[in-house]
Amino acid sequence: MEEVRGMGEGREWKISHVAPVGDQEAARAEALRLAREFLPAYPWSPKSRKVLRLGDGSYLVIVEGRTSSFHFRTRVGELVD
C-alpha cells in the first residue's frame, strides 16, 4: 500500500505496507479489501470514502474527514527476484 506523506508542495508517495498473499487472484482481493477497509491515521473522524479502480488492478482511495482529506493507493505486484 502506498500513502501520501508530508504537507504542501513536497508531498510524495511512500510505501507503508507490503504483504505476500499468494497468487494474483488473492493479491487482487486483498488490495480491494484494504481499499475498502484500511483506516489511515489521518484524517481524524473520517466521514466518507471513495474507492477508484485503476486500470492496472490497483485502487486509489480518498478518505474525507471533517477538516481534511487523505488519499492512498493499494497495488498488486509480482515478486520476480
C-alpha atoms as a PDB file:
ATOM      1  CA  MET A   1       0.000   0.000   0.000  1.00  0.00           C
ATOM      2  CA  GLU A   2       1.222   3.483  -0.770  1.00  0.00           C
ATOM      3  CA  GLU A   3       0.201   6.630   1.002  1.00  0.00           C
ATOM      4  CA  VAL A   4       0.901  10.336   0.750  1.00  0.00           C
ATOM      5  CA  ARG A   5       3.244  11.762   3.367  1.00  0.00           C
ATOM      6  CA  GLY A   6       4.174  15.350   4.040  1.00  0.00           C
ATOM      7  CA  MET A   7       2.451  18.669   3.672  1.00  0.00           C
ATOM      8  CA  GLY A   8       2.204  21.290   0.953  1.00  0.00           C
ATOM      9  CA  GLU A   9       4.100  21.073  -2.309  1.00  0.00           C
ATOM     10  CA  GLY A  10       6.575  18.483  -1.002  1.00  0.00           C
ATOM     11  CA  ARG A  11       4.115  15.585  -0.759  1.00  0.00           C
ATOM     12  CA  GLU A  12       5.329  12.278  -2.098  1.00  0.00           C
ATOM     13  CA  TRP A  13       4.177   8.656  -2.221  1.00  0.00           C
ATOM     14  CA  LYS A  14       5.757   6.258   0.273  1.00  0.00           C
ATOM     15  CA  ILE A  15       5.291   2.517   0.643  1.00  0.00           C
ATOM     16  CA  SER A  16       3.817   1.833   4.059  1.00  0.00           C
ATOM     17  CA  HIS A  17       2.843  -1.839   3.911  1.00  0.00           C
ATOM     18  CA  VAL A  18       3.886  -4.856   1.859  1.00  0.00           C
ATOM     19  CA  ALA A  19       2.418  -8.315   2.416  1.00  0.00           C
ATOM     20  CA  PRO A  20       2.782 -11.509   0.387  1.00  0.00           C
ATOM     21  CA  VAL A  21      -0.654 -13.062  -0.104  1.00  0.00           C
ATOM     22  CA  GLY A  22      -0.224 -15.901  -2.596  1.00  0.00           C
ATOM     23  CA  ASP A  23      -1.434 -15.909  -6.165  1.00  0.00           C
ATOM     24  CA  GLN A  24      -2.578 -12.976  -8.308  1.00  0.00           C
ATOM     25  CA  GLU A  25      -6.279 -13.516  -7.537  1.00  0.00           C
ATOM     26  CA  ALA A  26      -5.661 -13.480  -3.772  1.00  0.00           C
ATOM     27  CA  ALA A  27      -3.496 -10.367  -4.131  1.00  0.00           C
ATOM     28  CA  ARG A  28      -6.224  -8.521  -6.050  1.00  0.00           C
ATOM     29  CA  ALA A  29      -8.815  -9.484  -3.432  1.00  0.00           C
ATOM     30  CA  GLU A  30      -6.541  -8.217  -0.644  1.00  0.00           C
ATOM     31  CA  ALA A  31      -5.912  -4.939  -2.490  1.00  0.00           C
ATOM     32  CA  LEU A  32      -9.671  -4.373  -2.779  1.00  0.00           C
ATOM     33  CA  ARG A  33     -10.247  -5.321   0.877  1.00  0.00           C
ATOM     34  CA  LEU A  34      -7.608  -2.822   2.008  1.00  0.00           C
ATOM     35  CA  ALA A  35      -9.068  -0.136  -0.255  1.00  0.00           C
ATOM     36  CA  ARG A  36     -12.467  -0.619   1.369  1.00  0.00           C
ATOM     37  CA  GLU A  37     -11.420  -1.205   4.992  1.00  0.00           C
ATOM     38  CA  PHE A  38      -7.997   0.297   5.798  1.00  0.00           C
ATOM     39  CA  LEU A  39      -8.259   3.074   8.368  1.00  0.00           C
ATOM     40  CA  PRO A  40      -5.430   5.593   7.907  1.00  0.00           C
ATOM     41  CA  ALA A  41      -4.204   7.596  10.891  1.00  0.00           C
ATOM     42  CA  TYR A  42      -5.398  10.745   9.104  1.00  0.00           C
ATOM     43  CA  PRO A  43      -7.837  12.275   8.677  1.00  0.00           C
ATOM     44  CA  TRP A  44      -9.362  12.150  12.111  1.00  0.00           C
ATOM     45  CA  SER A  45     -13.097  11.494  12.132  1.00  0.00           C
ATOM     46  CA  PRO A  46     -13.444  10.049   8.597  1.00  0.00           C
ATOM     47  CA  LYS A  47     -16.791  10.996   7.039  1.00  0.00           C
ATOM     48  CA  SER A  48     -16.657   9.368   3.597  1.00  0.00           C
ATOM     49  CA  ARG A  49     -14.517   7.147   1.380  1.00  0.00           C
ATOM     50  CA  LYS A  50     -14.227   6.935  -2.388  1.00  0.00           C
ATOM     51  CA  VAL A  51     -12.573   3.884  -3.956  1.00  0.00           C
ATOM     52  CA  LEU A  52     -11.495   4.243  -7.580  1.00  0.00           C
ATOM     53  CA  ARG A  53     -10.328   1.183  -9.512  1.00  0.00           C
ATOM     54  CA  LEU A  54      -7.336   1.983 -11.728  1.00  0.00           C
ATOM     55  CA  GLY A  55      -6.699   0.159 -14.994  1.00  0.00           C
ATOM     56  CA  ASP A  56      -3.858  -1.982 -13.642  1.00  0.00           C
ATOM     57  CA  GLY A  57      -5.847  -3.691 -10.879  1.00  0.00           C
ATOM     58  CA  SER A  58      -4.901  -1.153  -8.231  1.00  0.00           C
ATOM     59  CA  TYR A  59      -7.094   1.263  -6.307  1.00  0.00           C
ATOM     60  CA  LEU A  60      -6.936   4.924  -5.380  1.00  0.00           C
ATOM     61  CA  VAL A  61      -8.764   5.699  -2.134  1.00  0.00           C
ATOM     62  CA  ILE A  62      -9.841   9.153  -0.951  1.00  0.00           C
ATOM     63  CA  VAL A  63     -10.916   9.444   2.677  1.00  0.00           C
ATOM     64  CA  GLU A  64     -12.658  12.695   3.595  1.00  0.00           C
ATOM     65  CA  GLY A  65     -12.539  13.851   7.183  1.00  0.00           C
ATOM     66  CA  ARG A  66     -14.172  16.719   8.994  1.00  0.00           C
ATOM     67  CA  THR A  67     -11.378  19.185   8.184  1.00  0.00           C
ATOM     68  CA  SER A  68      -9.037  17.401   5.752  1.00  0.00           C
ATOM     69  CA  SER A  69      -8.750  14.560   3.259  1.00  0.00           C
ATOM     70  CA  PHE A  70      -6.231  11.769   2.842  1.00  0.00           C
ATOM     71  CA  HIS A  71      -5.530   9.506  -0.092  1.00  0.00           C
ATOM     72  CA  PHE A  72      -3.667   6.273  -0.606  1.00  0.00           C
ATOM     73  CA  ARG A  73      -3.260   3.557  -3.214  1.00  0.00           C
ATOM     74  CA  THR A  74      -3.359  -0.210  -2.975  1.00  0.00           C
ATOM     75  CA  ARG A  75      -1.432  -2.042  -5.679  1.00  0.00           C
ATOM     76  CA  VAL A  76      -0.682  -5.600  -6.675  1.00  0.00           C
ATOM     77  CA  GLY A  77       2.861  -6.510  -7.602  1.00  0.00           C
ATOM     78  CA  GLU A  78       4.566  -9.729  -8.555  1.00  0.00           C
ATOM     79  CA  LEU A  79       7.887 -10.688  -6.971  1.00  0.00           C
ATOM     80  CA  VAL A  80      10.269 -11.621  -9.805  1.00  0.00           C
ATOM     81  CA  ASP A  81      13.639 -11.803  -7.988  1.00  0.00           C
END
